C-alpha atoms as a PDB file:
ATOM      1  CA  MET A   1     -41.254  35.916  -7.911  1.00  0.00           C
ATOM      2  CA  SER A   2     -38.275  33.590  -7.934  1.00  0.00           C
ATOM      3  CA  VAL A   3     -36.501  31.811 -10.745  1.00  0.00           C
ATOM      4  CA  ALA A   4     -34.872  28.425 -10.237  1.00  0.00           C
ATOM      5  CA  ARG A   5     -32.224  26.591 -12.170  1.00  0.00           C
ATOM      6  CA  ILE A   6     -31.395  22.894 -12.300  1.00  0.00           C
ATOM      7  CA  THR A   7     -27.843  21.658 -12.676  1.00  0.00           C
ATOM      8  CA  GLU A   8     -26.591  18.106 -12.955  1.00  0.00           C
ATOM      9  CA  ILE A   9     -23.613  16.852 -10.962  1.00  0.00           C
ATOM     10  CA  SER A  10     -21.960  13.511 -10.351  1.00  0.00           C
ATOM     11  CA  ALA A  11     -20.493  12.283  -7.082  1.00  0.00           C
ATOM     12  CA  SER A  12     -18.914   9.060  -5.925  1.00  0.00           C
ATOM     13  CA  SER A  13     -18.103   7.289  -2.682  1.00  0.00           C
ATOM     14  CA  ASN A  14     -16.320   4.140  -1.642  1.00  0.00           C
ATOM     15  CA  GLU A  15     -18.936   3.622   1.099  1.00  0.00           C
ATOM     16  CA  SER A  16     -22.492   3.853  -0.271  1.00  0.00           C
ATOM     17  CA  PHE A  17     -24.959   5.591  -2.562  1.00  0.00           C
ATOM     18  CA  GLU A  18     -26.207   7.602   0.419  1.00  0.00           C
ATOM     19  CA  ASP A  19     -22.693   8.854   1.143  1.00  0.00           C
ATOM     20  CA  ALA A  20     -22.197   9.800  -2.519  1.00  0.00           C
ATOM     21  CA  ILE A  21     -25.439  11.811  -2.421  1.00  0.00           C
ATOM     22  CA  LYS A  22     -24.437  13.584   0.801  1.00  0.00           C
ATOM     23  CA  GLN A  23     -21.002  14.442  -0.588  1.00  0.00           C
ATOM     24  CA  GLY A  24     -22.459  15.687  -3.862  1.00  0.00           C
ATOM     25  CA  VAL A  25     -25.020  17.962  -2.212  1.00  0.00           C
ATOM     26  CA  ALA A  26     -22.464  19.251   0.320  1.00  0.00           C
ATOM     27  CA  ARG A  27     -20.000  20.088  -2.454  1.00  0.00           C
ATOM     28  CA  ALA A  28     -22.689  21.768  -4.558  1.00  0.00           C
ATOM     29  CA  ALA A  29     -23.690  23.889  -1.542  1.00  0.00           C
ATOM     30  CA  GLU A  30     -20.169  25.342  -1.430  1.00  0.00           C
ATOM     31  CA  THR A  31     -20.734  27.201  -4.709  1.00  0.00           C
ATOM     32  CA  LEU A  32     -24.503  27.162  -5.342  1.00  0.00           C
ATOM     33  CA  HIS A  33     -26.684  29.332  -3.125  1.00  0.00           C
ATOM     34  CA  GLY A  34     -30.357  28.713  -2.447  1.00  0.00           C
ATOM     35  CA  ILE A  35     -30.425  24.961  -3.038  1.00  0.00           C
ATOM     36  CA  ARG A  36     -34.031  23.811  -2.673  1.00  0.00           C
ATOM     37  CA  SER A  37     -33.967  20.160  -3.700  1.00  0.00           C
ATOM     38  CA  ALA A  38     -31.989  17.374  -5.275  1.00  0.00           C
ATOM     39  CA  TRP A  39     -32.988  14.109  -6.885  1.00  0.00           C
ATOM     40  CA  VAL A  40     -30.993  11.149  -8.035  1.00  0.00           C
ATOM     41  CA  LYS A  41     -31.160  10.666 -11.780  1.00  0.00           C
ATOM     42  CA  GLU A  42     -28.831   7.646 -12.030  1.00  0.00           C
ATOM     43  CA  GLN A  43     -26.921   5.241  -9.822  1.00  0.00           C
ATOM     44  CA  GLU A  44     -24.089   2.933 -10.817  1.00  0.00           C
ATOM     45  CA  VAL A  45     -21.326   0.945  -9.201  1.00  0.00           C
ATOM     46  CA  GLN A  46     -17.783   0.237 -10.286  1.00  0.00           C
ATOM     47  CA  VAL A  47     -17.028  -3.490  -9.921  1.00  0.00           C
ATOM     48  CA  GLU A  48     -13.764  -5.389  -9.958  1.00  0.00           C
ATOM     49  CA  ASN A  49     -13.381  -9.130  -9.382  1.00  0.00           C
ATOM     50  CA  GLY A  50     -17.011  -9.354  -8.322  1.00  0.00           C
ATOM     51  CA  LYS A  51     -16.638  -6.696  -5.603  1.00  0.00           C
ATOM     52  CA  ILE A  52     -18.025  -3.176  -5.550  1.00  0.00           C
ATOM     53  CA  LEU A  53     -15.216  -0.613  -5.591  1.00  0.00           C
ATOM     54  CA  SER A  54     -17.257   2.580  -5.612  1.00  0.00           C
ATOM     55  CA  TYR A  55     -20.773   3.977  -5.800  1.00  0.00           C
ATOM     56  CA  LYS A  56     -21.602   6.771  -8.238  1.00  0.00           C
ATOM     57  CA  VAL A  57     -24.691   8.960  -8.521  1.00  0.00           C
ATOM     58  CA  ILE A  58     -25.840  11.568 -11.007  1.00  0.00           C
ATOM     59  CA  ILE A  59     -27.827  14.197  -9.094  1.00  0.00           C
ATOM     60  CA  LYS A  60     -30.021  17.018 -10.373  1.00  0.00           C
ATOM     61  CA  VAL A  61     -29.815  19.971  -7.984  1.00  0.00           C
ATOM     62  CA  THR A  62     -32.425  22.748  -8.013  1.00  0.00           C
ATOM     63  CA  PHE A  63     -31.443  26.176  -6.708  1.00  0.00           C
ATOM     64  CA  VAL A  64     -33.023  29.633  -6.739  1.00  0.00           C
ATOM     65  CA  LEU A  65     -31.181  32.302  -8.702  1.00  0.00           C
ATOM     66  CA  ASP A  66     -30.137  35.461  -6.830  1.00  0.00           C
ATOM     67  CA  GLU A  67     -32.254  38.487  -7.583  1.00  0.00           C
ATOM     68  CA  SER A  68     -30.497  41.196  -9.531  1.00  0.00           C
END
């Protein structure tokens, strides 16, 4: 039997939503072991003078807890 946990993280990119997602999952993988899935909860952009400055995502990451 395995037990999973879900944690919420935010990540941003100056390039795209896709890049923000990739960066967020990559960073989470540095400290969370057993990542099984991730889904985007929210997306938003920072705008200045009618131009997009950055892309931000809120991601829910599911990972399996280590057995004790």
